[in-house]
Amino acid sequence: MPLPEFSAEMDPEQKEQMVANAIKASSFLKAISHQGRLMILCHLVSGEKSVTELEQLLSARQAAVSQQLSRLRLEGLVIPRRDGKAIYYRLADDKARRVLEVVYDIFCNDGD
């Protein structure tokens, strides 16, 4: 899909919508811009994982993983589910997966 062309002749409603979309996009990109959060999202692409599983996959302490999961939850990128003492996380929707596919294609899939 080509990017739209923006011009000075845009009506005020279009400009307001553009600003609102830029704010949402900026928040999303800030949330995934941290290495730890990005790695968590990459692991969640394959399906729901417990905090313990994520700790092991990331070789990280529980406190660090929980802190990053809190930020991802605050931004609406992951959804928690409690099962007894364990908490499981999954991607909230397809937006993160789509962006991760592009990031993977650019940074991981070209052999550089």
Protein backbone atom coordinates (compact mmCIF):
# COMPACT_ATOMS: atom_id res chain seq x y z
CA MET A 1 0.00 0.00 0.00
CA PRO A 2 1.55 3.35 -0.99
CA LEU A 3 1.86 6.11 1.57
CA PRO A 4 -0.64 8.95 1.19
CA GLU A 5 0.52 12.34 0.02
CA PHE A 6 0.20 15.10 2.58
CA SER A 7 -0.31 18.68 1.55
CA ALA A 8 -1.04 22.12 2.94
CA GLU A 9 -4.51 21.89 1.38
CA MET A 10 -5.63 19.14 3.78
CA ASP A 11 -8.75 20.02 5.72
CA PRO A 12 -8.45 20.47 9.52
CA GLU A 13 -10.17 17.15 10.26
CA GLN A 14 -7.63 15.28 8.13
CA LYS A 15 -4.77 17.09 9.87
CA GLU A 16 -6.18 16.22 13.32
CA GLN A 17 -6.51 12.58 12.31
CA MET A 18 -2.94 12.62 11.04
CA VAL A 19 -1.68 13.94 14.39
CA ALA A 20 -3.73 11.37 16.32
CA ASN A 21 -2.34 8.56 14.15
CA ALA A 22 1.21 9.88 14.61
CA ILE A 23 0.77 9.84 18.39
CA LYS A 24 -0.47 6.24 18.34
CA ALA A 25 2.34 5.15 16.01
CA SER A 26 4.96 6.93 18.13
CA SER A 27 3.76 5.23 21.33
CA PHE A 28 3.78 1.86 19.60
CA LEU A 29 7.28 2.35 18.22
CA LYS A 30 8.61 3.55 21.59
CA ALA A 31 7.18 0.44 23.24
CA ILE A 32 8.97 -1.92 20.85
CA SER A 33 12.19 0.10 20.67
CA HIS A 34 13.71 -1.59 23.73
CA GLN A 35 15.78 -4.72 23.03
CA GLY A 36 14.17 -6.71 25.85
CA ARG A 37 10.62 -5.80 24.86
CA LEU A 38 11.36 -6.53 21.22
CA MET A 39 12.72 -9.98 22.13
CA ILE A 40 9.65 -10.71 24.27
CA LEU A 41 7.38 -9.84 21.36
CA CYS A 42 9.46 -12.02 19.03
CA HIS A 43 8.99 -14.98 21.37
CA LEU A 44 5.25 -14.32 21.69
CA VAL A 45 4.77 -14.41 17.92
CA SER A 46 4.91 -18.20 18.14
CA GLY A 47 2.22 -18.27 20.84
CA GLU A 48 1.41 -17.72 24.49
CA LYS A 49 4.28 -18.04 26.97
CA SER A 50 4.50 -17.95 30.75
CA VAL A 51 6.73 -15.46 32.52
CA THR A 52 8.96 -18.39 33.54
CA GLU A 53 9.26 -19.53 29.91
CA LEU A 54 10.17 -16.00 28.84
CA GLU A 55 12.80 -15.77 31.61
CA GLN A 56 14.42 -18.95 30.29
CA LEU A 57 14.19 -17.96 26.63
CA LEU A 58 15.69 -14.54 27.33
CA SER A 59 18.19 -15.71 29.99
CA ALA A 60 16.90 -12.83 32.10
CA ARG A 61 15.81 -12.36 35.70
CA GLN A 62 12.12 -12.43 36.56
CA ALA A 63 12.15 -8.80 37.68
CA ALA A 64 13.54 -7.59 34.35
CA VAL A 65 11.08 -9.67 32.31
CA SER A 66 8.14 -8.54 34.45
CA GLN A 67 9.15 -4.89 34.10
CA GLN A 68 9.22 -5.15 30.30
CA LEU A 69 5.95 -7.10 30.23
CA SER A 70 4.34 -4.35 32.35
CA ARG A 71 5.31 -1.75 29.77
CA LEU A 72 4.04 -3.91 26.91
CA ARG A 73 0.77 -4.48 28.79
CA LEU A 74 0.43 -0.74 29.50
CA GLU A 75 0.83 -0.03 25.78
CA GLY A 76 -1.79 -2.67 24.93
CA LEU A 77 0.61 -4.94 23.04
CA VAL A 78 0.26 -8.04 25.23
CA ILE A 79 -2.57 -9.62 27.20
CA PRO A 80 -1.98 -11.54 30.43
CA ARG A 81 -3.83 -14.65 31.58
CA ARG A 82 -3.48 -16.09 35.08
CA ASP A 83 -3.53 -19.84 35.62
CA GLY A 84 -2.98 -20.55 39.32
CA LYS A 85 0.33 -18.95 40.24
CA ALA A 86 1.54 -18.72 36.63
CA ILE A 87 0.89 -15.75 34.38
CA TYR A 88 0.85 -16.28 30.63
CA TYR A 89 1.18 -13.59 27.98
CA ARG A 90 0.14 -13.42 24.35
CA LEU A 91 0.11 -10.74 21.67
CA ALA A 92 -2.92 -8.49 21.98
CA ASP A 93 -3.53 -8.26 18.24
CA ASP A 94 -1.87 -8.63 14.86
CA LYS A 95 -0.19 -5.18 14.76
CA ALA A 96 2.97 -6.27 16.58
CA ARG A 97 3.26 -9.43 14.48
CA ARG A 98 3.03 -7.43 11.25
CA VAL A 99 5.69 -4.95 12.37
CA LEU A 100 7.95 -7.75 13.62
CA GLU A 101 7.70 -9.47 10.24
CA VAL A 102 8.94 -6.29 8.54
CA VAL A 103 11.71 -5.82 11.13
CA TYR A 104 12.74 -9.45 10.68
CA ASP A 105 12.76 -9.10 6.91
CA ILE A 106 14.93 -5.96 7.05
CA PHE A 107 17.35 -6.88 9.85
CA CYS A 108 17.44 -10.68 10.10
CA ASN A 109 16.48 -12.23 6.81
CA ASP A 110 18.92 -10.54 4.44
CA GLY A 111 22.11 -12.25 5.62
CA ASP A 112 23.76 -9.08 6.97
